[in-house]
Structures are given as C-alpha cells and as structure tokens.
N, C-alpha and C. Protein backbone atom coordinates (compact mmCIF):
# COMPACT_ATOMS: atom_id res chain seq x y z
N MET A 1 127.11 136.12 52.20
CA MET A 1 128.57 135.78 52.02
C MET A 1 128.76 134.13 51.94
N ASN A 2 129.65 133.80 50.39
CA ASN A 2 130.22 132.54 49.91
C ASN A 2 131.30 132.21 50.37
N ALA A 3 131.06 130.70 50.76
CA ALA A 3 131.84 130.13 51.52
C ALA A 3 132.82 129.34 50.36
N ARG A 4 134.25 129.94 50.36
CA ARG A 4 134.90 129.25 49.37
C ARG A 4 136.44 128.40 49.74
N ARG A 5 136.13 126.84 48.79
CA ARG A 5 137.03 125.77 49.35
C ARG A 5 138.35 126.53 48.61
N ALA A 6 138.99 125.77 49.53
CA ALA A 6 140.62 126.04 49.49
C ALA A 6 141.04 125.04 48.34
N PRO A 7 141.75 126.06 47.49
CA PRO A 7 142.00 125.57 45.95
C PRO A 7 142.91 123.92 46.42
N ALA A 8 142.46 123.07 45.28
CA ALA A 8 143.04 121.33 45.56
C ALA A 8 145.06 121.31 45.58
N SER A 9 145.31 122.70 45.04
CA SER A 9 146.68 122.92 45.74
C SER A 9 147.16 122.86 46.88
N THR A 10 146.13 122.73 48.15
CA THR A 10 146.57 123.27 49.61
C THR A 10 145.23 122.46 50.13
N PRO A 11 145.12 121.12 49.78
CA PRO A 11 144.43 120.18 50.75
C PRO A 11 144.77 120.04 52.15
N HIS A 12 146.35 120.38 52.60
CA HIS A 12 146.69 120.28 53.52
C HIS A 12 146.21 121.57 54.54
N LEU A 13 145.81 122.53 54.04
CA LEU A 13 145.49 123.55 54.76
C LEU A 13 143.99 123.43 55.21
N LEU A 14 143.02 122.69 54.89
CA LEU A 14 141.62 122.43 55.14
C LEU A 14 141.53 122.31 56.68
N LEU A 15 140.54 122.66 57.30
CA LEU A 15 140.53 122.69 58.66
C LEU A 15 140.23 120.86 59.23
N ASP A 16 139.45 120.46 58.16
CA ASP A 16 139.57 119.27 58.76
C ASP A 16 140.47 117.80 58.45
N GLN A 17 141.49 118.86 58.06
CA GLN A 17 142.42 117.98 58.10
C GLN A 17 143.82 118.13 59.04
N GLN A 18 143.53 118.79 59.71
CA GLN A 18 144.55 119.19 60.95
C GLN A 18 144.29 118.52 61.96
N LEU A 19 145.10 117.59 62.54
CA LEU A 19 145.55 117.14 64.13
C LEU A 19 144.71 117.97 64.92
N CYS A 20 145.80 119.13 64.91
CA CYS A 20 145.30 119.87 66.14
C CYS A 20 143.48 120.43 66.50
N PHE A 21 142.96 120.34 65.02
CA PHE A 21 141.42 120.54 65.33
C PHE A 21 140.71 119.06 65.98
N ALA A 22 141.35 118.49 65.31
CA ALA A 22 140.70 116.47 65.36
C ALA A 22 140.90 116.65 67.34
N LEU A 23 141.64 117.48 67.70
CA LEU A 23 142.12 116.95 69.81
C LEU A 23 141.34 118.44 69.85
N TYR A 24 141.23 119.58 69.41
CA TYR A 24 140.55 120.58 70.18
C TYR A 24 139.13 119.84 69.98
N ALA A 25 138.69 119.56 68.93
CA ALA A 25 137.11 118.95 68.84
C ALA A 25 136.60 118.47 69.77
N ALA A 26 138.10 117.40 70.11
CA ALA A 26 137.73 115.82 71.04
C ALA A 26 137.40 116.97 72.47
N ASN A 27 138.59 117.69 72.58
CA ASN A 27 138.79 117.76 73.90
C ASN A 27 137.38 118.67 74.51
N LEU A 28 136.76 119.73 73.33
CA LEU A 28 135.20 120.42 74.04
C LEU A 28 134.13 119.62 74.30
N ALA A 29 134.39 118.21 73.20
CA ALA A 29 133.57 117.17 73.75
C ALA A 29 133.45 116.56 74.91
N MET A 30 134.85 116.11 75.10
CA MET A 30 135.16 115.32 76.42
C MET A 30 135.14 116.49 77.57
N GLY A 31 134.76 117.62 77.14
CA GLY A 31 134.86 118.67 78.51
C GLY A 31 133.78 118.94 78.61
N LYS A 32 132.48 118.81 77.85
CA LYS A 32 131.07 118.59 77.90
C LYS A 32 130.78 116.97 78.98
N VAL A 33 131.16 116.11 78.72
CA VAL A 33 130.87 114.94 78.81
C VAL A 33 131.72 115.49 80.61
N TYR A 34 132.40 116.39 81.21
CA TYR A 34 132.92 115.80 82.43
C TYR A 34 132.62 117.05 83.14
N ARG A 35 131.83 118.28 82.39
CA ARG A 35 131.24 119.10 83.16
C ARG A 35 129.94 118.23 83.80
N LYS A 36 128.70 117.33 83.12
CA LYS A 36 128.23 117.14 83.46
C LYS A 36 128.25 116.04 84.45
N LEU A 37 129.32 114.99 84.41
CA LEU A 37 129.62 114.61 85.25
C LEU A 37 130.50 114.87 87.08
N LEU A 38 130.71 115.70 86.36
CA LEU A 38 131.45 117.00 87.96
C LEU A 38 130.31 117.36 88.53
N ALA A 39 129.42 118.34 88.07
CA ALA A 39 128.04 118.76 88.52
C ALA A 39 127.90 118.81 89.56
N GLU A 40 127.47 117.52 90.16
CA GLU A 40 127.06 116.76 90.83
C GLU A 40 128.13 116.50 92.38
N LEU A 41 129.83 116.91 91.77
CA LEU A 41 130.26 117.08 92.94
C LEU A 41 130.71 118.27 93.41
N ASP A 42 130.22 119.40 92.52
CA ASP A 42 130.32 120.58 92.45
C ASP A 42 132.39 121.04 92.23
N LEU A 43 133.10 120.07 90.78
CA LEU A 43 134.13 120.67 90.93
C LEU A 43 134.09 121.00 89.42
N THR A 44 135.08 121.62 89.07
CA THR A 44 135.54 121.89 87.68
C THR A 44 136.38 120.78 87.21
N TYR A 45 136.04 120.94 85.98
CA TYR A 45 137.84 119.79 85.52
C TYR A 45 138.95 120.08 85.56
N PRO A 46 139.73 120.85 86.08
CA PRO A 46 140.83 121.26 87.12
C PRO A 46 141.20 120.98 88.43
N GLN A 47 139.56 121.17 88.73
CA GLN A 47 139.63 120.76 90.25
C GLN A 47 139.74 119.16 90.73
N TYR A 48 138.83 118.80 89.40
CA TYR A 48 138.74 117.31 89.66
C TYR A 48 140.80 116.94 89.24
N LEU A 49 141.14 117.20 88.43
CA LEU A 49 142.41 116.59 88.42
C LEU A 49 143.50 116.81 89.28
N VAL A 50 143.49 117.77 90.38
CA VAL A 50 144.18 118.24 91.68
C VAL A 50 143.25 117.17 92.50
N MET A 51 142.25 116.73 92.41
CA MET A 51 141.55 115.79 93.36
C MET A 51 142.31 114.32 93.53
N LEU A 52 142.08 114.11 92.12
CA LEU A 52 142.82 113.15 91.76
C LEU A 52 144.02 112.42 91.76
N VAL A 53 145.39 113.52 91.53
CA VAL A 53 146.68 113.59 91.71
C VAL A 53 146.61 113.05 93.79
N LEU A 54 145.67 114.09 94.70
CA LEU A 54 145.70 113.50 95.75
C LEU A 54 145.01 112.71 95.89
N TRP A 55 144.28 112.39 95.77
CA TRP A 55 143.90 110.79 95.88
C TRP A 55 144.63 109.17 95.78
N GLU A 56 145.85 109.77 95.04
CA GLU A 56 146.63 108.92 94.26
C GLU A 56 147.85 109.20 95.70
N ARG A 57 147.62 110.06 95.72
CA ARG A 57 148.92 110.35 96.94
C ARG A 57 148.70 111.84 97.41
N ASP A 58 148.38 111.80 98.94
CA ASP A 58 148.40 112.95 99.61
C ASP A 58 149.74 114.01 99.62
N GLY A 59 149.58 114.87 100.47
CA GLY A 59 150.78 115.67 101.07
C GLY A 59 151.75 115.67 99.80
N LEU A 60 151.07 116.31 98.58
CA LEU A 60 152.23 116.64 97.85
C LEU A 60 152.57 118.37 97.93
N THR A 61 153.73 118.23 97.38
CA THR A 61 153.78 120.27 97.43
C THR A 61 153.42 120.70 95.52
N VAL A 62 152.81 121.72 95.84
CA VAL A 62 152.60 122.56 94.98
C VAL A 62 153.54 122.24 93.42
N SER A 63 154.92 121.87 93.78
CA SER A 63 155.52 121.53 92.15
C SER A 63 155.05 120.43 91.77
N GLU A 64 155.12 119.25 93.08
CA GLU A 64 154.36 118.05 92.82
C GLU A 64 153.69 118.00 91.64
N ILE A 65 152.29 118.76 92.41
CA ILE A 65 151.23 118.23 91.58
C ILE A 65 151.65 119.45 90.12
N GLY A 66 151.71 120.10 90.11
CA GLY A 66 151.96 121.04 89.07
C GLY A 66 152.77 120.40 87.95
N ALA A 67 154.04 119.16 88.22
CA ALA A 67 154.64 118.57 87.41
C ALA A 67 153.79 117.32 86.98
N ARG A 68 153.01 117.04 87.78
CA ARG A 68 152.23 115.38 87.21
C ARG A 68 150.87 115.72 86.22
N LEU A 69 150.74 117.27 86.71
CA LEU A 69 149.52 117.78 85.34
C LEU A 69 150.13 119.21 84.70
N TYR A 70 151.31 118.85 84.53
CA TYR A 70 151.99 119.72 83.42
C TYR A 70 151.26 121.22 83.63
N LEU A 71 151.39 121.32 84.67
CA LEU A 71 150.68 123.08 85.08
C LEU A 71 151.56 123.95 85.81
N ASP A 72 151.93 125.03 85.60
CA ASP A 72 152.76 125.94 86.25
C ASP A 72 152.29 126.81 87.46
N SER A 73 153.02 127.29 88.35
CA SER A 73 151.90 127.86 90.12
C SER A 73 151.29 128.64 89.95
N ALA A 74 151.77 129.51 88.58
CA ALA A 74 150.66 130.18 88.83
C ALA A 74 149.17 130.28 88.10
N THR A 75 149.52 129.17 87.11
CA THR A 75 147.83 128.57 87.12
C THR A 75 146.85 127.62 88.05
N LEU A 76 148.16 126.94 88.88
CA LEU A 76 148.03 126.21 89.74
C LEU A 76 147.30 126.78 91.23
N THR A 77 147.86 127.72 91.57
CA THR A 77 147.53 128.22 93.33
C THR A 77 146.06 128.53 93.21
N PRO A 78 145.91 129.50 92.51
CA PRO A 78 144.56 130.04 92.64
C PRO A 78 143.77 128.80 92.58
N LEU A 79 143.78 127.89 91.75
CA LEU A 79 142.95 126.46 91.63
C LEU A 79 143.28 125.62 92.90
N LEU A 80 144.15 125.81 93.51
CA LEU A 80 144.42 125.12 94.70
C LEU A 80 143.55 125.88 96.20
N LYS A 81 143.66 127.50 96.00
CA LYS A 81 142.73 128.43 96.71
C LYS A 81 141.26 128.08 96.56
N ARG A 82 140.96 127.97 95.62
CA ARG A 82 139.47 127.98 95.47
C ARG A 82 139.15 126.23 96.35
N LEU A 83 139.86 125.02 96.06
CA LEU A 83 139.57 123.96 96.60
C LEU A 83 139.85 124.17 98.09
N ALA A 84 141.20 124.50 99.10
CA ALA A 84 140.82 125.41 100.18
C ALA A 84 140.04 125.81 100.71
N THR A 85 139.78 126.39 100.13
CA THR A 85 138.26 127.65 100.14
C THR A 85 136.74 126.76 100.46
N ALA A 86 136.88 125.71 99.48
CA ALA A 86 135.33 124.74 99.54
C ALA A 86 135.54 123.94 100.78
N GLY A 87 136.77 123.70 101.35
CA GLY A 87 136.79 122.74 102.14
C GLY A 87 137.46 121.25 102.15
N LEU A 88 137.76 121.00 101.35
CA LEU A 88 138.39 120.18 100.25
C LEU A 88 139.58 119.85 100.36
N LEU A 89 140.74 120.37 100.43
CA LEU A 89 142.01 120.38 100.97
C LEU A 89 142.48 121.47 101.62
N VAL A 90 143.77 121.14 102.32
CA VAL A 90 144.59 122.26 103.41
C VAL A 90 145.88 122.32 102.53
N ARG A 91 146.08 123.94 102.64
CA ARG A 91 147.35 124.21 102.18
C ARG A 91 148.81 124.56 103.45
N GLU A 92 149.25 124.42 103.79
CA GLU A 92 150.57 124.49 104.37
C GLU A 92 151.50 124.95 104.26
N ARG A 93 152.78 125.56 104.56
CA ARG A 93 154.00 125.57 104.39
C ARG A 93 154.88 124.78 104.94
N SER A 94 155.52 124.00 104.20
CA SER A 94 156.44 123.04 104.21
C SER A 94 157.33 123.36 105.67
N THR A 95 157.55 122.46 106.36
CA THR A 95 158.48 122.31 107.67
C THR A 95 159.99 122.20 107.35
N GLU A 96 160.11 121.58 106.83
CA GLU A 96 161.50 121.38 105.91
C GLU A 96 162.28 122.59 105.05
N ASP A 97 161.38 123.03 104.11
CA ASP A 97 161.43 124.51 103.53
C ASP A 97 160.48 125.58 103.25
N GLU A 98 160.19 126.44 103.72
CA GLU A 98 159.03 126.97 104.20
C GLU A 98 158.55 128.15 102.64
N ARG A 99 159.82 127.94 101.61
CA ARG A 99 159.26 128.03 100.48
C ARG A 99 158.28 127.59 99.70
N GLN A 100 158.31 126.05 100.23
CA GLN A 100 157.04 125.08 99.34
C GLN A 100 155.76 125.62 100.41
N VAL A 101 154.97 124.93 99.43
CA VAL A 101 153.72 124.72 100.28
C VAL A 101 153.06 123.30 100.04
N VAL A 102 152.99 122.37 101.44
CA VAL A 102 152.09 121.22 100.85
C VAL A 102 150.67 121.11 100.53
N ILE A 103 150.61 120.07 100.34
CA ILE A 103 148.66 120.33 99.89
C ILE A 103 148.51 118.84 100.43
N SER A 104 147.59 118.85 101.54
CA SER A 104 146.74 117.52 101.77
C SER A 104 144.80 117.72 101.53
N LEU A 105 144.89 116.32 101.54
CA LEU A 105 143.21 116.49 101.15
C LEU A 105 142.79 116.67 103.25
N SER A 106 141.48 117.34 102.65
CA SER A 106 141.03 117.28 104.29
C SER A 106 140.16 116.53 104.34
N ALA A 107 139.33 115.93 105.45
CA ALA A 107 138.27 114.98 105.72
C ALA A 107 137.41 115.04 104.28
N GLU A 108 136.89 116.24 104.30
CA GLU A 108 135.89 116.48 103.27
C GLU A 108 136.55 115.82 101.91
N GLY A 109 138.10 116.10 101.38
CA GLY A 109 138.11 115.84 100.20
C GLY A 109 138.79 114.48 99.93
N ARG A 110 138.64 113.39 101.25
CA ARG A 110 139.42 112.02 101.21
C ARG A 110 137.56 111.56 100.84
N ALA A 111 136.79 112.19 101.49
CA ALA A 111 135.49 111.73 101.30
C ALA A 111 134.72 111.72 100.54
N LEU A 112 135.34 113.06 99.58
CA LEU A 112 134.34 112.89 98.09
C LEU A 112 135.27 112.28 97.42
N LYS A 113 136.29 111.19 97.24
CA LYS A 113 136.50 109.76 96.48
C LYS A 113 136.05 109.69 96.31
N LYS A 114 134.74 109.15 97.15
CA LYS A 114 133.58 107.77 96.83
C LYS A 114 132.92 108.24 96.14
N ARG A 115 132.50 109.38 96.10
CA ARG A 115 131.47 109.93 95.54
C ARG A 115 132.04 110.55 93.89
N ALA A 116 133.04 110.21 93.87
CA ALA A 116 133.70 110.69 92.31
C ALA A 116 133.79 109.28 91.25
N GLY A 117 133.77 108.40 92.35
CA GLY A 117 133.89 106.73 91.80
C GLY A 117 133.14 106.56 90.29
N ALA A 118 132.04 107.06 90.11
CA ALA A 118 130.95 106.85 88.92
C ALA A 118 131.60 107.57 87.56
N VAL A 119 132.73 108.88 88.05
CA VAL A 119 132.67 109.30 87.28
C VAL A 119 133.47 108.45 85.75
N PRO A 120 134.24 108.09 86.21
CA PRO A 120 135.24 107.12 85.29
C PRO A 120 133.65 105.95 84.01
N GLU A 121 133.82 105.09 84.80
CA GLU A 121 132.38 104.83 84.39
C GLU A 121 131.44 105.35 83.32
N GLY A 122 130.81 106.63 84.01
CA GLY A 122 129.90 107.72 82.99
C GLY A 122 131.09 108.16 81.96
N VAL A 123 132.29 108.42 82.33
CA VAL A 123 133.47 109.05 80.65
C VAL A 123 133.01 106.96 79.70
N LEU A 124 133.28 106.04 80.44
CA LEU A 124 133.45 105.31 79.47
C LEU A 124 132.28 105.09 78.80
N CYS A 125 130.95 105.41 79.38
CA CYS A 125 129.67 104.98 78.41
C CYS A 125 129.41 106.12 77.38
N ALA A 126 130.43 107.54 77.70
CA ALA A 126 129.37 108.52 77.33
C ALA A 126 131.11 108.22 76.12
N VAL A 127 131.98 107.83 75.90
CA VAL A 127 133.18 107.56 75.20
C VAL A 127 132.29 106.45 74.11
N GLY A 128 131.46 105.34 74.73
CA GLY A 128 130.70 104.45 73.91
C GLY A 128 132.41 102.85 73.48
N CYS A 129 133.20 103.09 73.61
CA CYS A 129 134.29 102.40 73.41
C CYS A 129 134.44 101.00 74.41
N ALA A 130 135.09 99.85 73.86
CA ALA A 130 135.23 98.81 75.01
C ALA A 130 136.12 99.29 75.53
N PRO A 131 136.90 98.67 77.14
CA PRO A 131 137.80 99.40 77.86
C PRO A 131 139.14 99.05 76.71
N GLY A 132 139.12 97.65 75.98
CA GLY A 132 140.47 97.76 75.67
C GLY A 132 140.76 98.87 74.53
N GLU A 133 139.79 98.74 73.87
CA GLU A 133 139.58 100.23 73.02
C GLU A 133 140.01 101.57 73.95
N MET A 134 139.55 101.99 74.58
CA MET A 134 139.99 102.95 75.50
C MET A 134 141.23 102.96 76.24
N ARG A 135 141.85 101.81 76.06
CA ARG A 135 143.38 102.50 76.95
C ARG A 135 144.24 102.07 75.31
N THR A 136 144.25 101.61 74.40
CA THR A 136 144.52 101.92 73.15
C THR A 136 144.64 103.26 73.13
N LEU A 137 143.31 104.06 73.00
CA LEU A 137 143.38 105.13 72.60
C LEU A 137 144.29 106.39 73.44
N LYS A 138 144.21 105.81 74.66
CA LYS A 138 144.90 106.78 76.10
C LYS A 138 146.41 106.27 75.52
N ARG A 139 147.04 105.16 75.41
CA ARG A 139 148.46 105.42 75.03
C ARG A 139 148.93 105.55 74.24
N ASP A 140 148.11 105.40 73.00
CA ASP A 140 148.18 106.40 71.59
C ASP A 140 148.18 107.80 72.00
N LEU A 141 147.70 108.67 72.46
CA LEU A 141 147.50 109.87 73.13
C LEU A 141 148.80 109.92 74.29
N GLU A 142 149.25 109.33 75.08
CA GLU A 142 150.28 109.78 75.78
C GLU A 142 151.22 109.59 75.01
N GLN A 143 151.46 108.84 74.37
CA GLN A 143 152.68 108.89 72.93
C GLN A 143 152.91 110.34 72.13
N LEU A 144 151.78 110.35 72.01
CA LEU A 144 151.42 111.63 71.00
C LEU A 144 152.53 112.83 71.60
N ARG A 145 151.67 112.67 73.09
CA ARG A 145 152.08 113.73 74.01
C ARG A 145 153.51 113.57 74.24
N GLU A 146 154.28 112.65 74.54
CA GLU A 146 155.70 112.92 74.73
C GLU A 146 156.23 113.05 72.77
N ARG A 147 156.61 113.21 72.40
CA ARG A 147 156.57 113.59 71.17
C ARG A 147 156.23 114.44 70.76
N LEU A 148 155.14 115.27 71.22
CA LEU A 148 155.12 116.38 71.05
C LEU A 148 156.45 117.38 72.44
N MET A 149 156.31 117.05 73.55
CA MET A 149 157.04 117.49 74.12
C MET A 149 158.83 117.23 74.17
N ASP A 150 158.77 116.16 72.98
CA ASP A 150 159.99 115.78 72.62
C ASP A 150 160.44 116.73 71.82
N ALA A 151 159.57 117.37 70.82
CA ALA A 151 159.88 118.17 69.52
C ALA A 151 160.30 119.75 70.03
N ASP A 152 159.54 119.85 71.30
CA ASP A 152 159.48 121.51 72.10
C ASP A 152 161.12 121.82 71.82
C-alpha cells in the first residue's frame, strides 16, 4: 500500500503539524522515563502523582486530591484503594462529614518520600535541558493548560 501525502492545500492537516500530536508523543516519551524511574518504588505514574500531593499536604479528602490532579472521583477512587492495599495510605470517613473520605499517608507512605527523592533528578537528566529551560517549559505548558481550560 502506497502512503500518500496530503495535498499542498491542506498542510494544516499533516500529523507533524498538529500541536496535539506533539504533546501526545512527548507524553508517551515522558511516560517511559517515569515507568523506569518509578519501577523501583513500585508505583505507577498516577500513583506517584497522588503520593506527591499527599507528601505536600497530608490528610486531604478525595475531592481535594482530585481537584489538585484534575481527576474525578470515579478515576481516583480505584487508584486510592490500590495505594491503601499496598499499605501506603489510609482511607477514613471524615468525622465532620461522613460523605467525605479523608486520605492520609501511612508510615510506609511517608518513608517512601525519601526514596522518591531521586525521581525529579532522573527526569531532569532524561530531559537533557538546564533547570532554567525546564522551568520555562513547565510554565509554558501550565499557561497552555489554563488557556485550554478557559476555552472549555
């Protein structure tokens, strides 16, 4: 089967011209980097994100974690259950509002923070840019996310 190029009149429909594809491909590559770095912590990337949130501030509700990670509770709840089963966190009903579940780190979850300290350095090495470049790239992506959310 012969691959055909799009006519010159539609270059905006070429795959390599799509911002979404550049982001998608970069996300796949970043996922590979994180899989390798997180393997020794026995965490998936979404689990790592939850742990980062809790290492910043322990004792959050499911909805607070979801808001921080842009995830709904239907996506987050199974993830939290797996982390609880792994012994990294504790899920308890709020004493103030039984409809809410409070998520707290276990001793093992707090101890994992020290082991995770090498992950950001590994990412920086894999990305291969200076810390200043990384901060600029991160800021640009955050601005893009905000624009996209505002357009919704």
